Protein backbone atom coordinates (compact mmCIF):
# COMPACT_ATOMS: atom_id res chain seq x y z
CA UNK A 1 -79.95 51.93 136.01
CA UNK A 2 -76.85 51.21 133.91
CA UNK A 3 -77.07 51.99 130.20
CA UNK A 4 -75.89 48.50 129.22
CA UNK A 5 -78.90 46.98 130.96
CA UNK A 6 -81.29 48.83 128.67
CA UNK A 7 -80.27 46.90 125.57
CA UNK A 8 -78.68 47.81 122.22
CA UNK A 9 -78.18 51.45 121.24
CA UNK A 10 -80.63 50.88 118.37
CA UNK A 11 -83.34 50.11 120.96
CA UNK A 12 -82.84 53.55 122.54
CA UNK A 13 -82.74 55.96 119.57
CA UNK A 14 -84.22 56.27 116.09
CA UNK A 15 -82.41 54.14 113.54
CA UNK A 16 -82.18 54.39 109.79
CA UNK A 17 -80.30 55.17 106.62
CA UNK A 18 -79.04 58.65 105.79
CA UNK A 19 -81.85 58.97 103.25
CA UNK A 20 -84.40 58.42 106.06
CA UNK A 21 -83.30 61.34 108.25
CA UNK A 22 -86.10 63.52 109.63
CA UNK A 23 -87.14 66.34 107.26
CA UNK A 24 -87.26 68.97 109.98
CA UNK A 25 -84.69 68.00 112.63
CA UNK A 26 -84.46 69.83 115.94
CA UNK A 27 -81.17 70.89 117.51
CA UNK A 28 -79.93 67.93 119.55
CA UNK A 29 -81.84 65.23 117.64
CA UNK A 30 -79.88 61.95 117.89
CA UNK A 31 -80.21 58.86 115.71
CA UNK A 32 -78.17 55.82 114.66
CA UNK A 33 -77.11 56.02 111.02
CA UNK A 34 -77.04 52.48 109.59
CA UNK A 35 -75.13 53.61 106.46
CA UNK A 36 -72.25 55.20 108.38
CA UNK A 37 -72.62 52.87 111.40
CA UNK A 38 -72.43 55.80 113.80
CA UNK A 39 -74.46 57.73 116.29
CA UNK A 40 -75.27 61.05 114.61
CA UNK A 41 -76.77 64.29 115.90
CA UNK A 42 -78.22 67.44 114.37
CA UNK A 43 -76.01 70.44 115.23
CA UNK A 44 -78.51 73.02 113.94
CA UNK A 45 -77.03 73.04 110.43
CA UNK A 46 -76.11 69.49 109.50
CA UNK A 47 -76.03 65.88 110.75
CA UNK A 48 -72.72 65.07 112.43
CA UNK A 49 -71.43 61.51 112.87
CA UNK A 50 -70.01 61.27 116.39
CA UNK A 51 -68.11 58.00 116.36
CA UNK A 52 -65.82 58.01 113.32
CA UNK A 53 -63.42 60.69 112.14
CA UNK A 54 -62.86 59.64 108.54
CA UNK A 55 -59.99 62.09 108.14
CA UNK A 56 -57.90 59.76 110.35
CA UNK A 57 -58.52 56.61 108.24
CA UNK A 58 -55.13 55.35 107.05
CA UNK A 59 -53.19 57.06 109.88
CA UNK A 60 -50.35 54.80 111.07
CA UNK A 61 -49.01 55.07 114.61
CA UNK A 62 -46.71 53.05 116.85
CA UNK A 63 -48.51 51.29 119.68
CA UNK A 64 -47.22 49.66 122.88
CA UNK A 65 -49.89 46.97 123.23
CA UNK A 66 -49.92 43.43 121.87
CA UNK A 67 -53.26 43.73 120.07
CA UNK A 68 -54.69 46.71 118.23
CA UNK A 69 -57.45 48.75 119.95
CA UNK A 70 -60.99 49.03 118.54
CA UNK A 71 -61.06 50.75 115.16
CA UNK A 72 -57.38 50.03 114.49
CA UNK A 73 -55.63 47.11 112.72
CA UNK A 74 -52.11 45.79 113.10
CA UNK A 75 -50.00 46.63 110.04
CA UNK A 76 -49.57 42.96 109.10
CA UNK A 77 -50.33 42.85 105.39
CA UNK A 78 -53.98 41.76 105.76
CA UNK A 79 -56.65 42.49 103.15
CA UNK A 80 -58.52 45.76 103.36
CA UNK A 81 -61.62 44.24 101.68
CA UNK A 82 -63.72 44.49 104.89
CA UNK A 83 -62.71 48.17 105.22
CA UNK A 84 -63.63 50.05 101.99
CA UNK A 85 -62.71 53.46 103.40
CA UNK A 86 -59.26 52.17 104.34
CA UNK A 87 -58.86 50.46 100.94
CA UNK A 88 -59.50 53.83 99.29
CA UNK A 89 -56.44 55.21 101.12
CA UNK A 90 -53.89 52.32 101.12
CA UNK A 91 -55.11 49.93 98.42
CA UNK A 92 -55.91 46.22 98.67
CA UNK A 93 -53.70 45.42 101.66
CA UNK A 94 -52.55 47.03 104.90
CA UNK A 95 -48.79 47.62 104.79
CA UNK A 96 -46.87 44.81 106.50
CA UNK A 97 -44.60 46.68 108.90
CA UNK A 98 -43.78 43.80 111.25
CA UNK A 99 -40.04 43.81 111.90
CA UNK A 100 -39.47 46.77 109.54
CA UNK A 101 -37.77 50.13 109.98
CA UNK A 102 -39.94 52.88 108.50
CA UNK A 103 -38.40 55.64 106.41
CA UNK A 104 -40.07 58.94 105.60
CA UNK A 105 -41.23 59.18 101.95
CA UNK A 106 -38.82 61.30 99.89
CA UNK A 107 -41.75 63.01 98.06
CA UNK A 108 -39.49 65.03 95.74
CA UNK A 109 -36.68 65.94 98.18
CA UNK A 110 -34.01 63.94 96.35
CA UNK A 111 -32.55 62.02 99.31
CA UNK A 112 -34.24 58.72 98.37
CA UNK A 113 -35.69 59.53 94.95
CA UNK A 114 -37.69 57.11 92.86
CA UNK A 115 -39.45 55.52 95.84
CA UNK A 116 -43.17 54.74 95.69
CA UNK A 117 -45.30 55.43 98.76
CA UNK A 118 -46.09 52.25 100.83
CA UNK A 119 -43.53 50.12 98.92
CA UNK A 120 -40.77 48.28 100.72
CA UNK A 121 -37.06 48.62 99.93
CA UNK A 122 -34.43 45.90 100.25
CA UNK A 123 -31.52 46.30 102.62
CA UNK A 124 -28.34 47.81 101.21
CA UNK A 125 -24.84 48.35 102.49
CA UNK A 126 -23.33 51.61 101.19
CA UNK A 127 -20.36 51.11 98.85
CA UNK A 128 -17.06 51.77 100.59
CA UNK A 129 -13.44 50.65 100.61
CA UNK A 130 -10.78 49.68 103.12
CA UNK A 131 -7.11 50.45 102.73
CA UNK A 132 -4.33 48.17 103.88
CA UNK A 133 -0.68 48.86 104.28
CA UNK A 134 2.52 46.92 104.96
CA UNK A 135 3.77 43.89 103.06
CA UNK A 136 1.57 42.83 100.19
CA UNK A 137 0.35 39.33 99.55
CA UNK A 138 -1.57 38.38 96.46
CA UNK A 139 -4.37 35.89 96.01
CA UNK A 140 -4.07 34.42 92.55
CA UNK A 141 -7.05 32.57 91.02
CA UNK A 142 -8.13 31.31 94.44
CA UNK A 143 -4.85 29.39 94.71
CA UNK A 144 -1.96 29.87 97.13
CA UNK A 145 -1.00 33.27 98.42
CA UNK A 146 2.03 34.66 96.59
CA UNK A 147 4.23 36.98 98.67
CA UNK A 148 6.12 39.91 97.31
CA UNK A 149 6.53 43.67 97.43
CA UNK A 150 3.71 45.92 96.24
CA UNK A 151 5.84 46.91 93.23
CA UNK A 152 6.07 43.31 92.05
CA UNK A 153 2.51 41.92 91.48
CA UNK A 154 2.26 38.63 89.59
CA UNK A 155 1.33 40.17 86.20
CA UNK A 156 0.07 37.80 83.61
CA UNK A 157 -2.04 35.99 86.19
CA UNK A 158 -5.56 36.86 87.30
CA UNK A 159 -4.87 39.15 90.20
CA UNK A 160 -7.68 38.94 92.76
CA UNK A 161 -6.65 41.57 95.31
CA UNK A 162 -4.29 42.26 98.19
CA UNK A 163 -4.33 42.13 101.96
CA UNK A 164 -1.83 42.66 104.69
CA UNK A 165 -0.45 39.78 106.70
CA UNK A 166 -3.17 40.00 109.38
CA UNK A 167 -5.96 38.66 107.14
CA UNK A 168 -9.58 39.68 106.82
CA UNK A 169 -12.48 37.94 108.51
CA UNK A 170 -16.23 38.34 108.90
CA UNK A 171 -17.62 40.06 111.99
CA UNK A 172 -21.08 41.03 113.16
CA UNK A 173 -24.52 39.48 113.16
CA UNK A 174 -27.29 38.68 110.63
CA UNK A 175 -28.20 42.33 109.83
CA UNK A 176 -27.11 45.95 110.07
CA UNK A 177 -29.37 47.90 112.44
CA UNK A 178 -29.35 50.77 114.90
CA UNK A 179 -30.31 50.42 118.58
CA UNK A 180 -34.08 50.06 118.70
CA UNK A 181 -37.24 49.32 120.68
CA UNK A 182 -40.00 47.05 119.36
CA UNK A 183 -43.45 48.60 119.01
CA UNK A 184 -46.51 47.52 117.00
CA UNK A 185 -47.45 49.64 113.97
CA UNK A 186 -51.24 50.03 113.75
CA UNK A 187 -53.44 51.70 111.16
CA UNK A 188 -56.78 53.42 111.76
CA UNK A 189 -59.56 51.62 109.84
CA UNK A 190 -62.56 53.52 111.24
């Protein structure tokens, strides 16, 4: 006979709160703990919950499926109110990691100091410069381009910058990103 045809697990074993555990358990006793919502057993020294490893609550992993497996939630910014153990680890909301690149927390190293764990950071393009050579042309107050040698800028006017005769134009897409593969971030809720 298949186990599922016997009914609910609570029909097969003793059920109760942690405070209602047997006073003199025997090695191998099994019961359903309604406080922890797990099947627990007496190992000869203590009651052990067999279905939830609370040390993993809050663990975030990358997952290749389109929906999170049982016990896990997609990292999509949802409320942790239904998951008090998870809320104790990450706060009121699951991190929203959809479409995000994740960066290791600096945690005192000094590479990305001042960051707060589980907080997002805006994009940034590192400050840099480009050098140009050849004939100089000057853009003055957004007006016409004034030509002349580099030694003869139009002083007395608001000099906006220089460029060589080839011009400068935009290139690229909507964002700066490395090559990547899309995966779902999921978090263990218990």
